[in-house]
Amino acid sequence: MPSGLGALSAAQQMLASFLRLDPDLVCVASEASRPLEPALSPQSIEAWVRGLPDRDKIELLVQLVADDDPHHLHAELIQRATQAVETMADHASGRPDARRTVE
C-alpha cells in the first residue's frame, strides 16, 4: 500500500477521478496507508546498510560499478531501504500487520 493516500494532492485527486477510481475504494485504501513521511534520515540509511548481509553489499557494489546507467539501482535502493525502515518501525511500535496477503 503506498504511503500518503490519506492526504491526496489536487493532482492525485484529479488522476483518481480520471481513472474512475471509486471514491470509497480510495477512502478504504487510505485507512491502510501510512502517513507520508519525510525522506530517509542518514542515520536510518546507515543502520539499514550496516544490517545488510555482506553478500548483498558486494552484489550491490558490483552492480553499481558494472552498470552504465545506475539510476535504476538508486531507485531500487531507496525502495528497499524505505521498506526495511518502515518494517523496523512497525515492529518497534508493536503495530500489528492486519492486512491480508495471498499466503
PDB file of N, CA and C in Angstrom:
ATOM      1  N   MET A   1       0.852  -1.167   0.000  1.00  0.00           N
ATOM      2  CA  MET A   1       0.000   0.000   0.000  1.00  0.00           C
ATOM      3  C   MET A   1       0.895   1.226   0.000  1.00  0.00           C
ATOM      4  N   PRO A   2       0.741   2.110  -0.935  1.00  0.00           N
ATOM      5  CA  PRO A   2       1.593   3.303  -0.951  1.00  0.00           C
ATOM      6  C   PRO A   2       1.288   4.224   0.223  1.00  0.00           C
ATOM      7  N   SER A   3       2.289   4.927   0.670  1.00  0.00           N
ATOM      8  CA  SER A   3       2.116   5.885   1.754  1.00  0.00           C
ATOM      9  C   SER A   3       1.444   7.143   1.233  1.00  0.00           C
ATOM     10  N   GLY A   4       0.761   7.848   2.118  1.00  0.00           N
ATOM     11  CA  GLY A   4       0.210   9.156   1.796  1.00  0.00           C
ATOM     12  C   GLY A   4      -1.140   9.174   1.118  1.00  0.00           C
ATOM     13  N   LEU A   5      -1.852   8.056   1.093  1.00  0.00           N
ATOM     14  CA  LEU A   5      -3.163   8.054   0.434  1.00  0.00           C
ATOM     15  C   LEU A   5      -4.209   8.830   1.221  1.00  0.00           C
ATOM     16  N   GLY A   6      -3.910   9.110   2.480  1.00  0.00           N
ATOM     17  CA  GLY A   6      -4.856   9.856   3.294  1.00  0.00           C
ATOM     18  C   GLY A   6      -4.866  11.338   3.001  1.00  0.00           C
ATOM     19  N   ALA A   7      -3.861  11.823   2.319  1.00  0.00           N
ATOM     20  CA  ALA A   7      -3.756  13.257   2.020  1.00  0.00           C
ATOM     21  C   ALA A   7      -3.367  13.431   0.558  1.00  0.00           C
ATOM     22  N   LEU A   8      -4.289  13.130  -0.336  1.00  0.00           N
ATOM     23  CA  LEU A   8      -4.003  13.243  -1.763  1.00  0.00           C
ATOM     24  C   LEU A   8      -3.932  14.707  -2.183  1.00  0.00           C
ATOM     25  N   SER A   9      -2.980  14.998  -3.053  1.00  0.00           N
ATOM     26  CA  SER A   9      -2.886  16.349  -3.612  1.00  0.00           C
ATOM     27  C   SER A   9      -4.016  16.535  -4.620  1.00  0.00           C
ATOM     28  N   ALA A  10      -4.200  17.766  -5.060  1.00  0.00           N
ATOM     29  CA  ALA A  10      -5.237  18.042  -6.051  1.00  0.00           C
ATOM     30  C   ALA A  10      -4.969  17.251  -7.338  1.00  0.00           C
ATOM     31  N   ALA A  11      -3.705  17.164  -7.730  1.00  0.00           N
ATOM     32  CA  ALA A  11      -3.352  16.420  -8.940  1.00  0.00           C
ATOM     33  C   ALA A  11      -3.667  14.932  -8.780  1.00  0.00           C
ATOM     34  N   GLN A  12      -3.392  14.385  -7.612  1.00  0.00           N
ATOM     35  CA  GLN A  12      -3.675  12.975  -7.365  1.00  0.00           C
ATOM     36  C   GLN A  12      -5.180  12.723  -7.339  1.00  0.00           C
ATOM     37  N   GLN A  13      -5.933  13.659  -6.783  1.00  0.00           N
ATOM     38  CA  GLN A  13      -7.393  13.529  -6.780  1.00  0.00           C
ATOM     39  C   GLN A  13      -7.940  13.567  -8.205  1.00  0.00           C
ATOM     40  N   MET A  14      -7.380  14.445  -9.033  1.00  0.00           N
ATOM     41  CA  MET A  14      -7.808  14.520 -10.433  1.00  0.00           C
ATOM     42  C   MET A  14      -7.457  13.228 -11.169  1.00  0.00           C
ATOM     43  N   LEU A  15      -6.288  12.666 -10.891  1.00  0.00           N
ATOM     44  CA  LEU A  15      -5.896  11.405 -11.523  1.00  0.00           C
ATOM     45  C   LEU A  15      -6.852  10.292 -11.113  1.00  0.00           C
ATOM     46  N   ALA A  16      -7.188  10.218  -9.831  1.00  0.00           N
ATOM     47  CA  ALA A  16      -8.129   9.196  -9.363  1.00  0.00           C
ATOM     48  C   ALA A  16      -9.475   9.360 -10.051  1.00  0.00           C
ATOM     49  N   SER A  17      -9.894  10.592 -10.218  1.00  0.00           N
ATOM     50  CA  SER A  17     -11.157  10.864 -10.906  1.00  0.00           C
ATOM     51  C   SER A  17     -11.067  10.458 -12.375  1.00  0.00           C
ATOM     52  N   PHE A  18      -9.955  10.821 -13.021  1.00  0.00           N
ATOM     53  CA  PHE A  18      -9.746  10.490 -14.431  1.00  0.00           C
ATOM     54  C   PHE A  18      -9.747   8.974 -14.639  1.00  0.00           C
ATOM     55  N   LEU A  19      -9.142   8.256 -13.703  1.00  0.00           N
ATOM     56  CA  LEU A  19      -9.081   6.794 -13.798  1.00  0.00           C
ATOM     57  C   LEU A  19     -10.373   6.132 -13.332  1.00  0.00           C
ATOM     58  N   ARG A  20     -11.322   6.957 -12.900  1.00  0.00           N
ATOM     59  CA  ARG A  20     -12.630   6.500 -12.435  1.00  0.00           C
ATOM     60  C   ARG A  20     -12.512   5.531 -11.261  1.00  0.00           C
ATOM     61  N   LEU A  21     -11.601   5.867 -10.360  1.00  0.00           N
ATOM     62  CA  LEU A  21     -11.480   5.066  -9.146  1.00  0.00           C
ATOM     63  C   LEU A  21     -12.637   5.416  -8.220  1.00  0.00           C
ATOM     64  N   ASP A  22     -13.247   4.409  -7.674  1.00  0.00           N
ATOM     65  CA  ASP A  22     -14.356   4.606  -6.753  1.00  0.00           C
ATOM     66  C   ASP A  22     -13.839   5.363  -5.528  1.00  0.00           C
ATOM     67  N   PRO A  23     -14.456   6.493  -5.174  1.00  0.00           N
ATOM     68  CA  PRO A  23     -14.001   7.255  -4.002  1.00  0.00           C
ATOM     69  C   PRO A  23     -14.009   6.422  -2.714  1.00  0.00           C
ATOM     70  N   ASP A  24     -14.956   5.496  -2.605  1.00  0.00           N
ATOM     71  CA  ASP A  24     -14.983   4.634  -1.419  1.00  0.00           C
ATOM     72  C   ASP A  24     -13.757   3.722  -1.375  1.00  0.00           C
ATOM     73  N   LEU A  25     -13.319   3.254  -2.536  1.00  0.00           N
ATOM     74  CA  LEU A  25     -12.129   2.416  -2.613  1.00  0.00           C
ATOM     75  C   LEU A  25     -10.898   3.208  -2.167  1.00  0.00           C
ATOM     76  N   VAL A  26     -10.782   4.440  -2.632  1.00  0.00           N
ATOM     77  CA  VAL A  26      -9.653   5.283  -2.237  1.00  0.00           C
ATOM     78  C   VAL A  26      -9.710   5.557  -0.732  1.00  0.00           C
ATOM     79  N   CYS A  27     -10.903   5.762  -0.201  1.00  0.00           N
ATOM     80  CA  CYS A  27     -11.070   6.021   1.237  1.00  0.00           C
ATOM     81  C   CYS A  27     -10.621   4.815   2.063  1.00  0.00           C
ATOM     82  N   VAL A  28     -11.047   3.633   1.676  1.00  0.00           N
ATOM     83  CA  VAL A  28     -10.660   2.422   2.406  1.00  0.00           C
ATOM     84  C   VAL A  28      -9.155   2.197   2.290  1.00  0.00           C
ATOM     85  N   ALA A  29      -8.601   2.432   1.101  1.00  0.00           N
ATOM     86  CA  ALA A  29      -7.160   2.265   0.915  1.00  0.00           C
ATOM     87  C   ALA A  29      -6.393   3.265   1.782  1.00  0.00           C
ATOM     88  N   SER A  30      -6.928   4.469   1.934  1.00  0.00           N
ATOM     89  CA  SER A  30      -6.237   5.485   2.733  1.00  0.00           C
ATOM     90  C   SER A  30      -6.176   5.090   4.208  1.00  0.00           C
ATOM     91  N   GLU A  31      -7.132   4.290   4.673  1.00  0.00           N
ATOM     92  CA  GLU A  31      -7.112   3.844   6.065  1.00  0.00           C
ATOM     93  C   GLU A  31      -5.948   2.905   6.340  1.00  0.00           C
ATOM     94  N   ALA A  32      -5.558   2.120   5.341  1.00  0.00           N
ATOM     95  CA  ALA A  32      -4.452   1.185   5.499  1.00  0.00           C
ATOM     96  C   ALA A  32      -3.109   1.808   5.115  1.00  0.00           C
ATOM     97  N   SER A  33      -3.159   2.992   4.537  1.00  0.00           N
ATOM     98  CA  SER A  33      -1.943   3.656   4.083  1.00  0.00           C
ATOM     99  C   SER A  33      -1.325   4.447   5.228  1.00  0.00           C
ATOM    100  N   ARG A  34      -0.030   4.284   5.407  1.00  0.00           N
ATOM    101  CA  ARG A  34       0.651   5.045   6.445  1.00  0.00           C
ATOM    102  C   ARG A  34       0.828   6.489   5.967  1.00  0.00           C
ATOM    103  N   PRO A  35       0.960   7.431   6.900  1.00  0.00           N
ATOM    104  CA  PRO A  35       1.150   8.832   6.502  1.00  0.00           C
ATOM    105  C   PRO A  35       2.433   8.998   5.700  1.00  0.00           C
ATOM    106  N   LEU A  36       2.420   9.998   4.841  1.00  0.00           N
ATOM    107  CA  LEU A  36       3.599  10.293   4.042  1.00  0.00           C
ATOM    108  C   LEU A  36       4.665  10.842   4.968  1.00  0.00           C
ATOM    109  N   GLU A  37       5.795  10.182   5.018  1.00  0.00           N
ATOM    110  CA  GLU A  37       6.854  10.558   5.934  1.00  0.00           C
ATOM    111  C   GLU A  37       7.981  11.235   5.168  1.00  0.00           C
ATOM    112  N   PRO A  38       8.784  12.013   5.871  1.00  0.00           N
ATOM    113  CA  PRO A  38       9.915  12.655   5.196  1.00  0.00           C
ATOM    114  C   PRO A  38      10.900  11.617   4.681  1.00  0.00           C
ATOM    115  N   ALA A  39      11.811  12.062   3.864  1.00  0.00           N
ATOM    116  CA  ALA A  39      12.805  11.168   3.271  1.00  0.00           C
ATOM    117  C   ALA A  39      13.588  10.449   4.368  1.00  0.00           C
ATOM    118  N   LEU A  40      14.231   9.383   3.997  1.00  0.00           N
ATOM    119  CA  LEU A  40      15.027   8.613   4.943  1.00  0.00           C
ATOM    120  C   LEU A  40      16.115   9.482   5.553  1.00  0.00           C
ATOM    121  N   SER A  41      16.337   9.312   6.837  1.00  0.00           N
ATOM    122  CA  SER A  41      17.401  10.066   7.501  1.00  0.00           C
ATOM    123  C   SER A  41      18.739   9.364   7.240  1.00  0.00           C
ATOM    124  N   PRO A  42      19.823  10.113   7.306  1.00  0.00           N
ATOM    125  CA  PRO A  42      21.131   9.466   7.140  1.00  0.00           C
ATOM    126  C   PRO A  42      21.364   8.354   8.168  1.00  0.00           C
ATOM    127  N   GLN A  43      20.828   8.536   9.377  1.00  0.00           N
ATOM    128  CA  GLN A  43      21.008   7.523  10.415  1.00  0.00           C
ATOM    129  C   GLN A  43      20.264   6.227  10.064  1.00  0.00           C
ATOM    130  N   SER A  44      19.043   6.368   9.535  1.00  0.00           N
ATOM    131  CA  SER A  44      18.287   5.162   9.191  1.00  0.00           C
ATOM    132  C   SER A  44      18.906   4.465   7.983  1.00  0.00           C
ATOM    133  N   ILE A  45      19.450   5.233   7.050  1.00  0.00           N
ATOM    134  CA  ILE A  45      20.128   4.629   5.893  1.00  0.00           C
ATOM    135  C   ILE A  45      21.366   3.870   6.361  1.00  0.00           C
ATOM    136  N   GLU A  46      22.138   4.484   7.253  1.00  0.00           N
ATOM    137  CA  GLU A  46      23.340   3.818   7.758  1.00  0.00           C
ATOM    138  C   GLU A  46      22.990   2.532   8.496  1.00  0.00           C
ATOM    139  N   ALA A  47      21.944   2.576   9.312  1.00  0.00           N
ATOM    140  CA  ALA A  47      21.528   1.372  10.047  1.00  0.00           C
ATOM    141  C   ALA A  47      21.103   0.280   9.088  1.00  0.00           C
ATOM    142  N   TRP A  48      20.392   0.651   8.029  1.00  0.00           N
ATOM    143  CA  TRP A  48      19.951  -0.333   7.042  1.00  0.00           C
ATOM    144  C   TRP A  48      21.153  -0.960   6.334  1.00  0.00           C
ATOM    145  N   VAL A  49      22.109  -0.118   5.900  1.00  0.00           N
ATOM    146  CA  VAL A  49      23.284  -0.633   5.191  1.00  0.00           C
ATOM    147  C   VAL A  49      24.087  -1.550   6.102  1.00  0.00           C
ATOM    148  N   ARG A  50      24.267  -1.149   7.352  1.00  0.00           N
ATOM    149  CA  ARG A  50      25.026  -1.990   8.294  1.00  0.00           C
ATOM    150  C   ARG A  50      24.336  -3.333   8.513  1.00  0.00           C
ATOM    151  N   GLY A  51      23.022  -3.370   8.397  1.00  0.00           N
ATOM    152  CA  GLY A  51      22.277  -4.605   8.604  1.00  0.00           C
ATOM    153  C   GLY A  51      22.233  -5.521   7.398  1.00  0.00           C
ATOM    154  N   LEU A  52      22.676  -5.027   6.243  1.00  0.00           N
ATOM    155  CA  LEU A  52      22.680  -5.872   5.044  1.00  0.00           C
ATOM    156  C   LEU A  52      23.732  -6.966   5.161  1.00  0.00           C
ATOM    157  N   PRO A  53      23.408  -8.159   4.703  1.00  0.00           N
ATOM    158  CA  PRO A  53      24.437  -9.212   4.663  1.00  0.00           C
ATOM    159  C   PRO A  53      25.564  -8.809   3.711  1.00  0.00           C
ATOM    160  N   ASP A  54      26.777  -9.294   3.982  1.00  0.00           N
ATOM    161  CA  ASP A  54      27.932  -8.936   3.154  1.00  0.00           C
ATOM    162  C   ASP A  54      27.724  -9.293   1.687  1.00  0.00           C
ATOM    163  N   ARG A  55      27.085 -10.427   1.427  1.00  0.00           N
ATOM    164  CA  ARG A  55      26.891 -10.830   0.027  1.00  0.00           C
ATOM    165  C   ARG A  55      26.011  -9.824  -0.712  1.00  0.00           C
ATOM    166  N   ASP A  56      25.007  -9.245  -0.013  1.00  0.00           N
ATOM    167  CA  ASP A  56      24.156  -8.234  -0.644  1.00  0.00           C
ATOM    168  C   ASP A  56      24.935  -6.953  -0.912  1.00  0.00           C
ATOM    169  N   LYS A  57      25.778  -6.562   0.029  1.00  0.00           N
ATOM    170  CA  LYS A  57      26.594  -5.357  -0.164  1.00  0.00           C
ATOM    171  C   LYS A  57      27.511  -5.520  -1.366  1.00  0.00           C
ATOM    172  N   ILE A  58      28.144  -6.676  -1.462  1.00  0.00           N
ATOM    173  CA  ILE A  58      29.055  -6.938  -2.583  1.00  0.00           C
ATOM    174  C   ILE A  58      28.291  -6.932  -3.896  1.00  0.00           C
ATOM    175  N   GLU A  59      27.141  -7.587  -3.923  1.00  0.00           N
ATOM    176  CA  GLU A  59      26.322  -7.642  -5.142  1.00  0.00           C
ATOM    177  C   GLU A  59      25.905  -6.240  -5.581  1.00  0.00           C
ATOM    178  N   LEU A  60      25.493  -5.413  -4.635  1.00  0.00           N
ATOM    179  CA  LEU A  60      25.066  -4.054  -4.971  1.00  0.00           C
ATOM    180  C   LEU A  60      26.222  -3.210  -5.479  1.00  0.00           C
ATOM    181  N   LEU A  61      27.395  -3.345  -4.866  1.00  0.00           N
ATOM    182  CA  LEU A  61      28.559  -2.593  -5.335  1.00  0.00           C
ATOM    183  C   LEU A  61      28.986  -3.036  -6.731  1.00  0.00           C
ATOM    184  N   VAL A  62      28.932  -4.328  -6.989  1.00  0.00           N
ATOM    185  CA  VAL A  62      29.276  -4.829  -8.329  1.00  0.00           C
ATOM    186  C   VAL A  62      28.301  -4.277  -9.356  1.00  0.00           C
ATOM    187  N   GLN A  63      27.002  -4.283  -9.029  1.00  0.00           N
ATOM    188  CA  GLN A  63      26.004  -3.721  -9.952  1.00  0.00           C
ATOM    189  C   GLN A  63      26.270  -2.251 -10.206  1.00  0.00           C
ATOM    190  N   LEU A  64      26.617  -1.520  -9.156  1.00  0.00           N
ATOM    191  CA  LEU A  64      26.864  -0.089  -9.292  1.00  0.00           C
ATOM    192  C   LEU A  64      28.037   0.197 -10.213  1.00  0.00           C
ATOM    193  N   VAL A  65      29.114  -0.540 -10.046  1.00  0.00           N
ATOM    194  CA  VAL A  65      30.313  -0.310 -10.848  1.00  0.00           C
ATOM    195  C   VAL A  65      30.135  -0.820 -12.278  1.00  0.00           C
ATOM    196  N   ALA A  66      29.474  -1.951 -12.457  1.00  0.00           N
ATOM    197  CA  ALA A  66      29.367  -2.578 -13.775  1.00  0.00           C
ATOM    198  C   ALA A  66      28.294  -1.944 -14.652  1.00  0.00           C
ATOM    199  N   ASP A  67      27.333  -1.258 -14.061  1.00  0.00           N
ATOM    200  CA  ASP A  67      26.194  -0.727 -14.813  1.00  0.00           C
ATOM    201  C   ASP A  67      26.534   0.626 -15.425  1.00  0.00           C
ATOM    202  N   ASP A  68      26.175   0.799 -16.711  1.00  0.00           N
ATOM    203  CA  ASP A  68      26.404   2.074 -17.389  1.00  0.00           C
ATOM    204  C   ASP A  68      25.412   3.144 -16.940  1.00  0.00           C
ATOM    205  N   ASP A  69      24.233   2.726 -16.492  1.00  0.00           N
ATOM    206  CA  ASP A  69      23.189   3.657 -16.076  1.00  0.00           C
ATOM    207  C   ASP A  69      22.658   3.221 -14.704  1.00  0.00           C
ATOM    208  N   PRO A  70      23.281   3.694 -13.618  1.00  0.00           N
ATOM    209  CA  PRO A  70      22.917   3.201 -12.286  1.00  0.00           C
ATOM    210  C   PRO A  70      21.667   3.850 -11.682  1.00  0.00           C
ATOM    211  N   HIS A  71      20.910   4.629 -12.449  1.00  0.00           N
ATOM    212  CA  HIS A  71      19.744   5.315 -11.894  1.00  0.00           C
ATOM    213  C   HIS A  71      18.702   4.334 -11.365  1.00  0.00           C
ATOM    214  N   HIS A  72      18.509   3.220 -12.081  1.00  0.00           N
ATOM    215  CA  HIS A  72      17.521   2.249 -11.601  1.00  0.00           C
ATOM    216  C   HIS A  72      17.979   1.616 -10.291  1.00  0.00           C
ATOM    217  N   LEU A  73      19.290   1.449 -10.113  1.00  0.00           N
ATOM    218  CA  LEU A  73      19.813   0.891  -8.875  1.00  0.00           C
ATOM    219  C   LEU A  73      19.554   1.859  -7.718  1.00  0.00           C
ATOM    220  N   HIS A  74      19.707   3.141  -7.976  1.00  0.00           N
ATOM    221  CA  HIS A  74      19.421   4.155  -6.961  1.00  0.00           C
ATOM    222  C   HIS A  74      17.967   4.058  -6.504  1.00  0.00           C
ATOM    223  N   ALA A  75      17.047   3.969  -7.447  1.00  0.00           N
ATOM    224  CA  ALA A  75      15.627   3.864  -7.108  1.00  0.00           C
ATOM    225  C   ALA A  75      15.345   2.576  -6.335  1.00  0.00           C
ATOM    226  N   GLU A  76      15.970   1.487  -6.745  1.00  0.00           N
ATOM    227  CA  GLU A  76      15.765   0.207  -6.057  1.00  0.00           C
ATOM    228  C   GLU A  76      16.281   0.270  -4.621  1.00  0.00           C
ATOM    229  N   LEU A  77      17.434   0.905  -4.426  1.00  0.00           N
ATOM    230  CA  LEU A  77      17.996   1.011  -3.085  1.00  0.00           C
ATOM    231  C   LEU A  77      17.117   1.867  -2.180  1.00  0.00           C
ATOM    232  N   ILE A  78      16.589   2.958  -2.711  1.00  0.00           N
ATOM    233  CA  ILE A  78      15.696   3.799  -1.918  1.00  0.00           C
ATOM    234  C   ILE A  78      14.455   3.007  -1.519  1.00  0.00           C
ATOM    235  N   GLN A  79      13.900   2.268  -2.461  1.00  0.00           N
ATOM    236  CA  GLN A  79      12.707   1.468  -2.168  1.00  0.00           C
ATOM    237  C   GLN A  79      13.009   0.409  -1.113  1.00  0.00           C
ATOM    238  N   ARG A  80      14.121  -0.295  -1.253  1.00  0.00           N
ATOM    239  CA  ARG A  80      14.473  -1.342  -0.296  1.00  0.00           C
ATOM    240  C   ARG A  80      14.721  -0.758   1.093  1.00  0.00           C
ATOM    241  N   ALA A  81      15.429   0.370   1.152  1.00  0.00           N
ATOM    242  CA  ALA A  81      15.712   0.997   2.445  1.00  0.00           C
ATOM    243  C   ALA A  81      14.431   1.488   3.098  1.00  0.00           C
ATOM    244  N   THR A  82      13.552   2.106   2.330  1.00  0.00           N
ATOM    245  CA  THR A  82      12.294   2.614   2.870  1.00  0.00           C
ATOM    246  C   THR A  82      11.455   1.472   3.434  1.00  0.00           C
ATOM    247  N   GLN A  83      11.340   0.390   2.690  1.00  0.00           N
ATOM    248  CA  GLN A  83      10.560  -0.752   3.167  1.00  0.00           C
ATOM    249  C   GLN A  83      11.156  -1.336   4.438  1.00  0.00           C
ATOM    250  N   ALA A  84      12.471  -1.443   4.482  1.00  0.00           N
ATOM    251  CA  ALA A  84      13.122  -2.007   5.673  1.00  0.00           C
ATOM    252  C   ALA A  84      12.932  -1.105   6.885  1.00  0.00           C
ATOM    253  N   VAL A  85      13.070   0.199   6.695  1.00  0.00           N
ATOM    254  CA  VAL A  85      12.908   1.136   7.811  1.00  0.00           C
ATOM    255  C   VAL A  85      11.465   1.137   8.295  1.00  0.00           C
ATOM    256  N   GLU A  86      10.496   1.092   7.368  1.00  0.00           N
ATOM    257  CA  GLU A  86       9.086   1.043   7.760  1.00  0.00           C
ATOM    258  C   GLU A  86       8.777  -0.242   8.519  1.00  0.00           C
ATOM    259  N   THR A  87       9.339  -1.352   8.081  1.00  0.00           N
ATOM    260  CA  THR A  87       9.128  -2.631   8.766  1.00  0.00           C
ATOM    261  C   THR A  87       9.709  -2.587  10.170  1.00  0.00           C
ATOM    262  N   MET A  88      10.918  -2.026  10.299  1.00  0.00           N
ATOM    263  CA  MET A  88      11.526  -1.908  11.629  1.00  0.00           C
ATOM    264  C   MET A  88      10.682  -1.006  12.522  1.00  0.00           C
ATOM    265  N   ALA A  89      10.139   0.080  11.982  1.00  0.00           N
ATOM    266  CA  ALA A  89       9.302   0.990  12.764  1.00  0.00           C
ATOM    267  C   ALA A  89       8.019   0.295  13.205  1.00  0.00           C
ATOM    268  N   ASP A  90       7.430  -0.508  12.317  1.00  0.00           N
ATOM    269  CA  ASP A  90       6.214  -1.253  12.667  1.00  0.00           C
ATOM    270  C   ASP A  90       6.480  -2.227  13.812  1.00  0.00           C
ATOM    271  N   HIS A  91       7.607  -2.935  13.741  1.00  0.00           N
ATOM    272  CA  HIS A  91       7.942  -3.898  14.792  1.00  0.00           C
ATOM    273  C   HIS A  91       8.240  -3.178  16.109  1.00  0.00           C
ATOM    274  N   ALA A  92       8.928  -2.042  16.020  1.00  0.00           N
ATOM    275  CA  ALA A  92       9.289  -1.306  17.231  1.00  0.00           C
ATOM    276  C   ALA A  92       8.054  -0.720  17.917  1.00  0.00           C
ATOM    277  N   SER A  93       7.066  -0.307  17.114  1.00  0.00           N
ATOM    278  CA  SER A  93       5.863   0.298  17.692  1.00  0.00           C
ATOM    279  C   SER A  93       4.832  -0.745  18.099  1.00  0.00           C
ATOM    280  N   GLY A  94       5.079  -1.995  17.737  1.00  0.00           N
ATOM    281  CA  GLY A  94       4.127  -3.050  18.071  1.00  0.00           C
ATOM    282  C   GLY A  94       2.889  -3.028  17.195  1.00  0.00           C
ATOM    283  N   ARG A  95       2.965  -2.322  16.086  1.00  0.00           N
ATOM    284  CA  ARG A  95       1.823  -2.218  15.183  1.00  0.00           C
ATOM    285  C   ARG A  95       1.614  -3.563  14.496  1.00  0.00           C
ATOM    286  N   PRO A  96       0.459  -4.178  14.685  1.00  0.00           N
ATOM    287  CA  PRO A  96       0.213  -5.466  14.032  1.00  0.00           C
ATOM    288  C   PRO A  96      -0.068  -5.259  12.545  1.00  0.00           C
ATOM    289  N   ASP A  97       0.377  -6.186  11.772  1.00  0.00           N
ATOM    290  CA  ASP A  97       0.124  -6.127  10.336  1.00  0.00           C
ATOM    291  C   ASP A  97      -1.163  -6.908  10.072  1.00  0.00           C
ATOM    292  N   ALA A  98      -2.276  -6.195  10.049  1.00  0.00           N
ATOM    293  CA  ALA A  98      -3.574  -6.850   9.943  1.00  0.00           C
ATOM    294  C   ALA A  98      -4.021  -7.031   8.500  1.00  0.00           C
ATOM    295  N   ARG A  99      -3.197  -6.606   7.550  1.00  0.00           N
ATOM    296  CA  ARG A  99      -3.600  -6.743   6.156  1.00  0.00           C
ATOM    297  C   ARG A  99      -3.549  -8.194   5.735  1.00  0.00           C
ATOM    298  N   ARG A 100      -4.481  -8.568   4.862  1.00  0.00           N
ATOM    299  CA  ARG A 100      -4.491  -9.925   4.337  1.00  0.00           C
ATOM    300  C   ARG A 100      -3.492 -10.026   3.199  1.00  0.00           C
ATOM    301  N   THR A 101      -2.925 -11.205   3.039  1.00  0.00           N
ATOM    302  CA  THR A 101      -1.994 -11.463   1.954  1.00  0.00           C
ATOM    303  C   THR A 101      -2.433 -12.692   1.199  1.00  0.00           C
ATOM    304  N   VAL A 102      -1.804 -12.965   0.086  1.00  0.00           N
ATOM    305  CA  VAL A 102      -2.107 -14.139  -0.706  1.00  0.00           C
ATOM    306  C   VAL A 102      -1.804 -15.403   0.083  1.00  0.00           C
ATOM    307  N   GLU A 103      -0.743 -15.359   0.868  1.00  0.00           N
ATOM    308  CA  GLU A 103      -0.380 -16.526   1.673  1.00  0.00           C
ATOM    309  C   GLU A 103      -1.438 -16.796   2.694  1.00  0.00           C
TER     310      GLU A 103
END
